[in-house]
Amino acid sequence: MEHEPLRAHSLVSLRLDRGGDGWRLRELALLEGRQLSEGRYVVADVDGSILAAVPLSRGAALADPFVSTAHLVPLLELRAARIRDVELGLLRGRRLPRLRLRRV
């Protein structure tokens, strides 16, 4: 199966799913022939379209099989792990250090 490449200047946003994203998450699960797990997801929104998602509760990623998304899944997994770490830290009453980005 040939994958449609992303444009060189695509706008990619990693974010928690919103109320209106449920239909697209169900569609991704259907495209992969899987059931949609309950709970929140971290999604990769590329130019306004959700192309991949990872459940916050851990589990396999959902991705559009017709678009090249292999590079997005590791980023989603890192973002989901960071959110889990922050939530766990807040529950335990400790603060976690912020991620610092460097210019290359």
PDB file of N, CA and C in Angstrom:
ATOM      1  N   MET A   1       0.845  -1.175   0.000  1.00  0.00           N
ATOM      2  CA  MET A   1       0.000   0.000   0.000  1.00  0.00           C
ATOM      3  C   MET A   1       0.893   1.242   0.000  1.00  0.00           C
ATOM      4  N   GLU A   2       0.662   2.130  -0.906  1.00  0.00           N
ATOM      5  CA  GLU A   2       1.446   3.345  -0.988  1.00  0.00           C
ATOM      6  C   GLU A   2       0.843   4.413  -0.090  1.00  0.00           C
ATOM      7  N   HIS A   3       1.722   5.095   0.657  1.00  0.00           N
ATOM      8  CA  HIS A   3       1.277   6.128   1.590  1.00  0.00           C
ATOM      9  C   HIS A   3       1.402   7.502   0.964  1.00  0.00           C
ATOM     10  N   GLU A   4       0.435   8.327   1.244  1.00  0.00           N
ATOM     11  CA  GLU A   4       0.478   9.716   0.791  1.00  0.00           C
ATOM     12  C   GLU A   4       1.453  10.471   1.685  1.00  0.00           C
ATOM     13  N   PRO A   5       2.472  11.133   1.118  1.00  0.00           N
ATOM     14  CA  PRO A   5       3.433  11.861   1.954  1.00  0.00           C
ATOM     15  C   PRO A   5       2.829  13.158   2.492  1.00  0.00           C
ATOM     16  N   LEU A   6       3.348  13.607   3.628  1.00  0.00           N
ATOM     17  CA  LEU A   6       2.954  14.906   4.159  1.00  0.00           C
ATOM     18  C   LEU A   6       3.685  15.989   3.378  1.00  0.00           C
ATOM     19  N   ARG A   7       3.075  17.144   3.315  1.00  0.00           N
ATOM     20  CA  ARG A   7       3.731  18.272   2.656  1.00  0.00           C
ATOM     21  C   ARG A   7       4.914  18.733   3.496  1.00  0.00           C
ATOM     22  N   ALA A   8       5.910  19.319   2.862  1.00  0.00           N
ATOM     23  CA  ALA A   8       7.120  19.763   3.560  1.00  0.00           C
ATOM     24  C   ALA A   8       6.820  20.821   4.617  1.00  0.00           C
ATOM     25  N   HIS A   9       5.790  21.617   4.406  1.00  0.00           N
ATOM     26  CA  HIS A   9       5.491  22.707   5.335  1.00  0.00           C
ATOM     27  C   HIS A   9       4.172  22.472   6.067  1.00  0.00           C
ATOM     28  N   SER A  10       3.909  21.247   6.444  1.00  0.00           N
ATOM     29  CA  SER A  10       2.683  20.939   7.174  1.00  0.00           C
ATOM     30  C   SER A  10       2.777  21.471   8.596  1.00  0.00           C
ATOM     31  N   LEU A  11       1.667  21.947   9.108  1.00  0.00           N
ATOM     32  CA  LEU A  11       1.579  22.407  10.487  1.00  0.00           C
ATOM     33  C   LEU A  11       1.128  21.238  11.348  1.00  0.00           C
ATOM     34  N   VAL A  12       1.994  20.784  12.258  1.00  0.00           N
ATOM     35  CA  VAL A  12       1.709  19.630  13.106  1.00  0.00           C
ATOM     36  C   VAL A  12       1.523  20.101  14.538  1.00  0.00           C
ATOM     37  N   SER A  13       0.429  19.656  15.149  1.00  0.00           N
ATOM     38  CA  SER A  13       0.139  19.983  16.543  1.00  0.00           C
ATOM     39  C   SER A  13      -0.145  18.684  17.290  1.00  0.00           C
ATOM     40  N   LEU A  14       0.529  18.479  18.416  1.00  0.00           N
ATOM     41  CA  LEU A  14       0.260  17.343  19.298  1.00  0.00           C
ATOM     42  C   LEU A  14      -0.556  17.879  20.460  1.00  0.00           C
ATOM     43  N   ARG A  15      -1.741  17.324  20.648  1.00  0.00           N
ATOM     44  CA  ARG A  15      -2.647  17.868  21.676  1.00  0.00           C
ATOM     45  C   ARG A  15      -3.555  16.768  22.204  1.00  0.00           C
ATOM     46  N   LEU A  16      -4.197  17.065  23.331  1.00  0.00           N
ATOM     47  CA  LEU A  16      -5.208  16.151  23.851  1.00  0.00           C
ATOM     48  C   LEU A  16      -6.445  16.234  22.972  1.00  0.00           C
ATOM     49  N   ASP A  17      -7.149  15.119  22.864  1.00  0.00           N
ATOM     50  CA  ASP A  17      -8.373  15.120  22.063  1.00  0.00           C
ATOM     51  C   ASP A  17      -9.409  16.043  22.684  1.00  0.00           C
ATOM     52  N   ARG A  18     -10.289  16.523  21.837  1.00  0.00           N
ATOM     53  CA  ARG A  18     -11.385  17.403  22.255  1.00  0.00           C
ATOM     54  C   ARG A  18     -12.704  16.695  21.982  1.00  0.00           C
ATOM     55  N   GLY A  19     -13.778  17.259  22.485  1.00  0.00           N
ATOM     56  CA  GLY A  19     -15.099  16.656  22.317  1.00  0.00           C
ATOM     57  C   GLY A  19     -15.468  16.343  20.887  1.00  0.00           C
ATOM     58  N   GLY A  20     -15.103  17.196  19.967  1.00  0.00           N
ATOM     59  CA  GLY A  20     -15.462  16.996  18.571  1.00  0.00           C
ATOM     60  C   GLY A  20     -14.555  16.035  17.818  1.00  0.00           C
ATOM     61  N   ASP A  21     -13.531  15.489  18.484  1.00  0.00           N
ATOM     62  CA  ASP A  21     -12.585  14.601  17.815  1.00  0.00           C
ATOM     63  C   ASP A  21     -13.024  13.139  17.815  1.00  0.00           C
ATOM     64  N   GLY A  22     -14.072  12.815  18.563  1.00  0.00           N
ATOM     65  CA  GLY A  22     -14.496  11.423  18.701  1.00  0.00           C
ATOM     66  C   GLY A  22     -14.787  10.736  17.386  1.00  0.00           C
ATOM     67  N   TRP A  23     -15.427  11.431  16.460  1.00  0.00           N
ATOM     68  CA  TRP A  23     -15.762  10.826  15.171  1.00  0.00           C
ATOM     69  C   TRP A  23     -14.513  10.425  14.419  1.00  0.00           C
ATOM     70  N   ARG A  24     -13.460  11.273  14.456  1.00  0.00           N
ATOM     71  CA  ARG A  24     -12.224  10.963  13.728  1.00  0.00           C
ATOM     72  C   ARG A  24     -11.468   9.820  14.409  1.00  0.00           C
ATOM     73  N   LEU A  25     -11.483   9.769  15.740  1.00  0.00           N
ATOM     74  CA  LEU A  25     -10.840   8.660  16.451  1.00  0.00           C
ATOM     75  C   LEU A  25     -11.533   7.343  16.111  1.00  0.00           C
ATOM     76  N   ARG A  26     -12.863   7.371  16.059  1.00  0.00           N
ATOM     77  CA  ARG A  26     -13.609   6.161  15.669  1.00  0.00           C
ATOM     78  C   ARG A  26     -13.284   5.760  14.230  1.00  0.00           C
ATOM     79  N   GLU A  27     -13.130   6.760  13.365  1.00  0.00           N
ATOM     80  CA  GLU A  27     -12.798   6.490  11.965  1.00  0.00           C
ATOM     81  C   GLU A  27     -11.407   5.856  11.849  1.00  0.00           C
ATOM     82  N   LEU A  28     -10.430   6.380  12.603  1.00  0.00           N
ATOM     83  CA  LEU A  28      -9.082   5.793  12.580  1.00  0.00           C
ATOM     84  C   LEU A  28      -9.120   4.342  13.059  1.00  0.00           C
ATOM     85  N   ALA A  29      -9.873   4.085  14.137  1.00  0.00           N
ATOM     86  CA  ALA A  29      -9.994   2.715  14.641  1.00  0.00           C
ATOM     87  C   ALA A  29     -10.632   1.816  13.584  1.00  0.00           C
ATOM     88  N   LEU A  30     -11.657   2.299  12.920  1.00  0.00           N
ATOM     89  CA  LEU A  30     -12.333   1.531  11.881  1.00  0.00           C
ATOM     90  C   LEU A  30     -11.386   1.234  10.712  1.00  0.00           C
ATOM     91  N   LEU A  31     -10.597   2.229  10.307  1.00  0.00           N
ATOM     92  CA  LEU A  31      -9.638   2.029   9.221  1.00  0.00           C
ATOM     93  C   LEU A  31      -8.611   0.952   9.560  1.00  0.00           C
ATOM     94  N   GLU A  32      -8.296   0.824  10.852  1.00  0.00           N
ATOM     95  CA  GLU A  32      -7.336  -0.186  11.283  1.00  0.00           C
ATOM     96  C   GLU A  32      -8.003  -1.486  11.697  1.00  0.00           C
ATOM     97  N   GLY A  33      -9.344  -1.535  11.627  1.00  0.00           N
ATOM     98  CA  GLY A  33     -10.059  -2.752  11.991  1.00  0.00           C
ATOM     99  C   GLY A  33      -9.992  -3.070  13.474  1.00  0.00           C
ATOM    100  N   ARG A  34      -9.983  -2.021  14.304  1.00  0.00           N
ATOM    101  CA  ARG A  34      -9.873  -2.198  15.756  1.00  0.00           C
ATOM    102  C   ARG A  34     -10.998  -1.472  16.467  1.00  0.00           C
ATOM    103  N   GLN A  35     -11.180  -1.827  17.726  1.00  0.00           N
ATOM    104  CA  GLN A  35     -12.125  -1.124  18.589  1.00  0.00           C
ATOM    105  C   GLN A  35     -11.438   0.115  19.156  1.00  0.00           C
ATOM    106  N   LEU A  36     -12.189   1.180  19.345  1.00  0.00           N
ATOM    107  CA  LEU A  36     -11.657   2.386  19.969  1.00  0.00           C
ATOM    108  C   LEU A  36     -11.681   2.200  21.473  1.00  0.00           C
ATOM    109  N   SER A  37     -10.532   2.331  22.118  1.00  0.00           N
ATOM    110  CA  SER A  37     -10.438   2.218  23.577  1.00  0.00           C
ATOM    111  C   SER A  37     -11.079   3.428  24.243  1.00  0.00           C
ATOM    112  N   GLU A  38     -11.604   3.218  25.432  1.00  0.00           N
ATOM    113  CA  GLU A  38     -12.163   4.324  26.223  1.00  0.00           C
ATOM    114  C   GLU A  38     -11.033   5.220  26.712  1.00  0.00           C
ATOM    115  N   GLY A  39     -11.347   6.446  27.010  1.00  0.00           N
ATOM    116  CA  GLY A  39     -10.371   7.356  27.607  1.00  0.00           C
ATOM    117  C   GLY A  39      -9.881   8.420  26.655  1.00  0.00           C
ATOM    118  N   ARG A  40      -8.953   9.207  27.167  1.00  0.00           N
ATOM    119  CA  ARG A  40      -8.397  10.330  26.416  1.00  0.00           C
ATOM    120  C   ARG A  40      -7.276   9.882  25.493  1.00  0.00           C
ATOM    121  N   TYR A  41      -7.056  10.673  24.451  1.00  0.00           N
ATOM    122  CA  TYR A  41      -6.007  10.414  23.469  1.00  0.00           C
ATOM    123  C   TYR A  41      -5.171  11.664  23.258  1.00  0.00           C
ATOM    124  N   VAL A  42      -3.906  11.457  22.934  1.00  0.00           N
ATOM    125  CA  VAL A  42      -3.064  12.528  22.412  1.00  0.00           C
ATOM    126  C   VAL A  42      -3.107  12.350  20.905  1.00  0.00           C
ATOM    127  N   VAL A  43      -3.439  13.407  20.195  1.00  0.00           N
ATOM    128  CA  VAL A  43      -3.623  13.308  18.743  1.00  0.00           C
ATOM    129  C   VAL A  43      -2.577  14.139  18.008  1.00  0.00           C
ATOM    130  N   ALA A  44      -2.269  13.689  16.804  1.00  0.00           N
ATOM    131  CA  ALA A  44      -1.422  14.462  15.891  1.00  0.00           C
ATOM    132  C   ALA A  44      -2.356  15.115  14.882  1.00  0.00           C
ATOM    133  N   ASP A  45      -2.503  16.412  15.019  1.00  0.00           N
ATOM    134  CA  ASP A  45      -3.339  17.206  14.129  1.00  0.00           C
ATOM    135  C   ASP A  45      -2.409  17.817  13.080  1.00  0.00           C
ATOM    136  N   VAL A  46      -2.574  17.396  11.839  1.00  0.00           N
ATOM    137  CA  VAL A  46      -1.714  17.874  10.756  1.00  0.00           C
ATOM    138  C   VAL A  46      -2.568  18.689   9.793  1.00  0.00           C
ATOM    139  N   ASP A  47      -2.282  19.970   9.754  1.00  0.00           N
ATOM    140  CA  ASP A  47      -3.032  20.891   8.894  1.00  0.00           C
ATOM    141  C   ASP A  47      -4.537  20.778   9.110  1.00  0.00           C
ATOM    142  N   GLY A  48      -4.949  20.591  10.367  1.00  0.00           N
ATOM    143  CA  GLY A  48      -6.371  20.552  10.709  1.00  0.00           C
ATOM    144  C   GLY A  48      -7.021  19.189  10.629  1.00  0.00           C
ATOM    145  N   SER A  49      -6.249  18.140  10.346  1.00  0.00           N
ATOM    146  CA  SER A  49      -6.803  16.792  10.257  1.00  0.00           C
ATOM    147  C   SER A  49      -6.045  15.850  11.189  1.00  0.00           C
ATOM    148  N   ILE A  50      -6.767  15.083  11.991  1.00  0.00           N
ATOM    149  CA  ILE A  50      -6.132  14.129  12.903  1.00  0.00           C
ATOM    150  C   ILE A  50      -5.702  12.910  12.093  1.00  0.00           C
ATOM    151  N   LEU A  51      -4.389  12.665  12.080  1.00  0.00           N
ATOM    152  CA  LEU A  51      -3.850  11.555  11.299  1.00  0.00           C
ATOM    153  C   LEU A  51      -3.402  10.385  12.162  1.00  0.00           C
ATOM    154  N   ALA A  52      -3.138  10.640  13.454  1.00  0.00           N
ATOM    155  CA  ALA A  52      -2.697   9.575  14.356  1.00  0.00           C
ATOM    156  C   ALA A  52      -3.062   9.962  15.779  1.00  0.00           C
ATOM    157  N   ALA A  53      -3.166   8.944  16.643  1.00  0.00           N
ATOM    158  CA  ALA A  53      -3.524   9.181  18.041  1.00  0.00           C
ATOM    159  C   ALA A  53      -2.966   8.054  18.904  1.00  0.00           C
ATOM    160  N   VAL A  54      -2.646   8.401  20.155  1.00  0.00           N
ATOM    161  CA  VAL A  54      -2.156   7.429  21.135  1.00  0.00           C
ATOM    162  C   VAL A  54      -2.997   7.598  22.393  1.00  0.00           C
ATOM    163  N   PRO A  55      -3.504   6.475  22.956  1.00  0.00           N
ATOM    164  CA  PRO A  55      -4.280   6.592  24.188  1.00  0.00           C
ATOM    165  C   PRO A  55      -3.396   7.004  25.367  1.00  0.00           C
ATOM    166  N   LEU A  56      -3.905   7.888  26.215  1.00  0.00           N
ATOM    167  CA  LEU A  56      -3.165   8.294  27.402  1.00  0.00           C
ATOM    168  C   LEU A  56      -2.967   7.123  28.358  1.00  0.00           C
ATOM    169  N   SER A  57      -3.913   6.204  28.365  1.00  0.00           N
ATOM    170  CA  SER A  57      -3.847   5.071  29.282  1.00  0.00           C
ATOM    171  C   SER A  57      -2.893   3.983  28.803  1.00  0.00           C
ATOM    172  N   ARG A  58      -2.120   4.263  27.803  1.00  0.00           N
ATOM    173  CA  ARG A  58      -1.209   3.326  27.149  1.00  0.00           C
ATOM    174  C   ARG A  58      -1.972   2.396  26.226  1.00  0.00           C
ATOM    175  N   GLY A  59      -1.300   1.949  25.229  1.00  0.00           N
ATOM    176  CA  GLY A  59      -1.917   1.082  24.243  1.00  0.00           C
ATOM    177  C   GLY A  59      -1.393   1.402  22.866  1.00  0.00           C
ATOM    178  N   ALA A  60      -1.865   0.654  21.889  1.00  0.00           N
ATOM    179  CA  ALA A  60      -1.393   0.811  20.521  1.00  0.00           C
ATOM    180  C   ALA A  60      -1.915   2.097  19.892  1.00  0.00           C
ATOM    181  N   ALA A  61      -1.083   2.685  19.083  1.00  0.00           N
ATOM    182  CA  ALA A  61      -1.450   3.911  18.367  1.00  0.00           C
ATOM    183  C   ALA A  61      -2.468   3.606  17.273  1.00  0.00           C
ATOM    184  N   LEU A  62      -3.271   4.604  16.981  1.00  0.00           N
ATOM    185  CA  LEU A  62      -4.164   4.579  15.828  1.00  0.00           C
ATOM    186  C   LEU A  62      -3.564   5.518  14.794  1.00  0.00           C
ATOM    187  N   ALA A  63      -3.583   5.111  13.532  1.00  0.00           N
ATOM    188  CA  ALA A  63      -3.028   5.983  12.498  1.00  0.00           C
ATOM    189  C   ALA A  63      -3.748   5.733  11.183  1.00  0.00           C
ATOM    190  N   ASP A  64      -3.836   6.775  10.399  1.00  0.00           N
ATOM    191  CA  ASP A  64      -4.433   6.672   9.073  1.00  0.00           C
ATOM    192  C   ASP A  64      -3.514   5.821   8.191  1.00  0.00           C
ATOM    193  N   PRO A  65      -3.985   4.675   7.721  1.00  0.00           N
ATOM    194  CA  PRO A  65      -3.119   3.797   6.926  1.00  0.00           C
ATOM    195  C   PRO A  65      -2.815   4.322   5.525  1.00  0.00           C
ATOM    196  N   PHE A  66      -3.476   5.387   5.129  1.00  0.00           N
ATOM    197  CA  PHE A  66      -3.279   5.931   3.786  1.00  0.00           C
ATOM    198  C   PHE A  66      -2.341   7.132   3.749  1.00  0.00           C
ATOM    199  N   VAL A  67      -1.815   7.506   4.921  1.00  0.00           N
ATOM    200  CA  VAL A  67      -0.915   8.653   5.020  1.00  0.00           C
ATOM    201  C   VAL A  67       0.324   8.213   5.795  1.00  0.00           C
ATOM    202  N   SER A  68       1.484   8.701   5.410  1.00  0.00           N
ATOM    203  CA  SER A  68       2.723   8.376   6.109  1.00  0.00           C
ATOM    204  C   SER A  68       2.719   9.036   7.490  1.00  0.00           C
ATOM    205  N   THR A  69       2.604   8.219   8.538  1.00  0.00           N
ATOM    206  CA  THR A  69       2.518   8.750   9.910  1.00  0.00           C
ATOM    207  C   THR A  69       3.556   8.133  10.849  1.00  0.00           C
ATOM    208  N   ALA A  70       4.450   7.306  10.327  1.00  0.00           N
ATOM    209  CA  ALA A  70       5.415   6.604  11.180  1.00  0.00           C
ATOM    210  C   ALA A  70       6.244   7.568  12.026  1.00  0.00           C
ATOM    211  N   HIS A  71       6.539   8.733  11.523  1.00  0.00           N
ATOM    212  CA  HIS A  71       7.325   9.714  12.265  1.00  0.00           C
ATOM    213  C   HIS A  71       6.509  10.401  13.366  1.00  0.00           C
ATOM    214  N   LEU A  72       5.192  10.356  13.284  1.00  0.00           N
ATOM    215  CA  LEU A  72       4.345  11.019  14.282  1.00  0.00           C
ATOM    216  C   LEU A  72       4.143  10.172  15.538  1.00  0.00           C
ATOM    217  N   VAL A  73       4.101   8.864  15.385  1.00  0.00           N
ATOM    218  CA  VAL A  73       3.773   7.980  16.515  1.00  0.00           C
ATOM    219  C   VAL A  73       4.782   8.099  17.657  1.00  0.00           C
ATOM    220  N   PRO A  74       6.100   8.080  17.413  1.00  0.00           N
ATOM    221  CA  PRO A  74       7.030   8.244  18.539  1.00  0.00           C
ATOM    222  C   PRO A  74       6.854   9.583  19.256  1.00  0.00           C
ATOM    223  N   LEU A  75       6.543  10.633  18.507  1.00  0.00           N
ATOM    224  CA  LEU A  75       6.297  11.942  19.128  1.00  0.00           C
ATOM    225  C   LEU A  75       5.052  11.901  20.009  1.00  0.00           C
ATOM    226  N   LEU A  76       4.002  11.250  19.528  1.00  0.00           N
ATOM    227  CA  LEU A  76       2.771  11.101  20.312  1.00  0.00           C
ATOM    228  C   LEU A  76       3.035  10.302  21.586  1.00  0.00           C
ATOM    229  N   GLU A  77       3.819   9.231  21.469  1.00  0.00           N
ATOM    230  CA  GLU A  77       4.125   8.404  22.643  1.00  0.00           C
ATOM    231  C   GLU A  77       4.907   9.197  23.682  1.00  0.00           C
ATOM    232  N   LEU A  78       5.862  10.017  23.234  1.00  0.00           N
ATOM    233  CA  LEU A  78       6.610  10.872  24.170  1.00  0.00           C
ATOM    234  C   LEU A  78       5.699  11.892  24.843  1.00  0.00           C
ATOM    235  N   ARG A  79       4.826  12.503  24.066  1.00  0.00           N
ATOM    236  CA  ARG A  79       3.901  13.506  24.625  1.00  0.00           C
ATOM    237  C   ARG A  79       2.955  12.866  25.628  1.00  0.00           C
ATOM    238  N   ALA A  80       2.426  11.680  25.304  1.00  0.00           N
ATOM    239  CA  ALA A  80       1.521  10.981  26.228  1.00  0.00           C
ATOM    240  C   ALA A  80       2.250  10.617  27.518  1.00  0.00           C
ATOM    241  N   ALA A  81       3.500  10.159  27.411  1.00  0.00           N
ATOM    242  CA  ALA A  81       4.282   9.812  28.607  1.00  0.00           C
ATOM    243  C   ALA A  81       4.515  11.050  29.467  1.00  0.00           C
ATOM    244  N   ARG A  82       4.790  12.162  28.839  1.00  0.00           N
ATOM    245  CA  ARG A  82       5.014  13.418  29.578  1.00  0.00           C
ATOM    246  C   ARG A  82       3.747  13.847  30.318  1.00  0.00           C
ATOM    247  N   ILE A  83       2.614  13.748  29.649  1.00  0.00           N
ATOM    248  CA  ILE A  83       1.350  14.106  30.298  1.00  0.00           C
ATOM    249  C   ILE A  83       1.082  13.183  31.481  1.00  0.00           C
ATOM    250  N   ARG A  84       1.320  11.876  31.307  1.00  0.00           N
ATOM    251  CA  ARG A  84       1.143  10.930  32.417  1.00  0.00           C
ATOM    252  C   ARG A  84       2.066  11.275  33.575  1.00  0.00           C
ATOM    253  N   ASP A  85       3.332  11.612  33.276  1.00  0.00           N
ATOM    254  CA  ASP A  85       4.293  11.972  34.322  1.00  0.00           C
ATOM    255  C   ASP A  85       3.839  13.206  35.090  1.00  0.00           C
ATOM    256  N   VAL A  86       3.358  14.198  34.375  1.00  0.00           N
ATOM    257  CA  VAL A  86       2.890  15.432  35.021  1.00  0.00           C
ATOM    258  C   VAL A  86       1.687  15.127  35.901  1.00  0.00           C
ATOM    259  N   GLU A  87       0.727  14.359  35.377  1.00  0.00           N
ATOM    260  CA  GLU A  87      -0.456  14.025  36.172  1.00  0.00           C
ATOM    261  C   GLU A  87      -0.072  13.226  37.407  1.00  0.00           C
ATOM    262  N   LEU A  88       0.851  12.289  37.277  1.00  0.00           N
ATOM    263  CA  LEU A  88       1.305  11.494  38.413  1.00  0.00           C
ATOM    264  C   LEU A  88       2.022  12.373  39.422  1.00  0.00           C
ATOM    265  N   GLY A  89       2.865  13.294  38.920  1.00  0.00           N
ATOM    266  CA  GLY A  89       3.578  14.213  39.801  1.00  0.00           C
ATOM    267  C   GLY A  89       2.629  15.114  40.566  1.00  0.00           C
ATOM    268  N   LEU A  90       1.589  15.599  39.903  1.00  0.00           N
ATOM    269  CA  LEU A  90       0.618  16.460  40.569  1.00  0.00           C
ATOM    270  C   LEU A  90      -0.160  15.679  41.616  1.00  0.00           C
ATOM    271  N   LEU A  91      -0.464  14.418  41.318  1.00  0.00           N
ATOM    272  CA  LEU A  91      -1.178  13.594  42.282  1.00  0.00           C
ATOM    273  C   LEU A  91      -0.326  13.322  43.514  1.00  0.00           C
ATOM    274  N   ARG A  92       0.970  13.240  43.345  1.00  0.00           N
ATOM    275  CA  ARG A  92       1.870  12.977  44.469  1.00  0.00           C
ATOM    276  C   ARG A  92       2.343  14.264  45.134  1.00  0.00           C
ATOM    277  N   GLY A  93       1.928  15.400  44.613  1.00  0.00           N
ATOM    278  CA  GLY A  93       2.268  16.671  45.230  1.00  0.00           C
ATOM    279  C   GLY A  93       3.669  17.170  44.912  1.00  0.00           C
ATOM    280  N   ARG A  94       4.297  16.678  43.882  1.00  0.00           N
ATOM    281  CA  ARG A  94       5.622  17.177  43.524  1.00  0.00           C
ATOM    282  C   ARG A  94       5.566  17.808  42.140  1.00  0.00           C
ATOM    283  N   ARG A  95       6.486  18.703  41.921  1.00  0.00           N
ATOM    284  CA  ARG A  95       6.568  19.365  40.610  1.00  0.00           C
ATOM    285  C   ARG A  95       7.627  18.714  39.768  1.00  0.00           C
ATOM    286  N   LEU A  96       7.364  18.570  38.507  1.00  0.00           N
ATOM    287  CA  LEU A  96       8.344  18.024  37.581  1.00  0.00           C
ATOM    288  C   LEU A  96       8.984  19.166  36.802  1.00  0.00           C
ATOM    289  N   PRO A  97      10.258  19.000  36.434  1.00  0.00           N
ATOM    290  CA  PRO A  97      10.907  20.065  35.664  1.00  0.00           C
ATOM    291  C   PRO A  97      10.270  20.206  34.283  1.00  0.00           C
ATOM    292  N   ARG A  98      10.315  21.431  33.771  1.00  0.00           N
ATOM    293  CA  ARG A  98       9.779  21.688  32.429  1.00  0.00           C
ATOM    294  C   ARG A  98      10.798  21.236  31.392  1.00  0.00           C
ATOM    295  N   LEU A  99      10.278  20.814  30.246  1.00  0.00           N
ATOM    296  CA  LEU A  99      11.155  20.487  29.131  1.00  0.00           C
ATOM    297  C   LEU A  99      11.705  21.778  28.559  1.00  0.00           C
ATOM    298  N   ARG A 100      12.987  21.782  28.273  1.00  0.00           N
ATOM    299  CA  ARG A 100      13.608  22.965  27.659  1.00  0.00           C
ATOM    300  C   ARG A 100      14.075  22.582  26.260  1.00  0.00           C
ATOM    301  N   LEU A 101      13.660  23.375  25.300  1.00  0.00           N
ATOM    302  CA  LEU A 101      14.057  23.139  23.922  1.00  0.00           C
ATOM    303  C   LEU A 101      15.226  24.024  23.552  1.00  0.00           C
ATOM    304  N   ARG A 102      16.157  23.454  22.823  1.00  0.00           N
ATOM    305  CA  ARG A 102      17.309  24.224  22.355  1.00  0.00           C
ATOM    306  C   ARG A 102      17.209  24.436  20.867  1.00  0.00           C
ATOM    307  N   ARG A 103      17.672  25.561  20.425  1.00  0.00           N
ATOM    308  CA  ARG A 103      17.757  25.799  18.982  1.00  0.00           C
ATOM    309  C   ARG A 103      18.972  25.083  18.453  1.00  0.00           C
ATOM    310  N   VAL A 104      18.802  24.485  17.308  1.00  0.00           N
ATOM    311  CA  VAL A 104      19.922  23.739  16.696  1.00  0.00           C
ATOM    312  C   VAL A 104      20.446  24.493  15.518  1.00  0.00           C
TER     313      VAL A 104
END
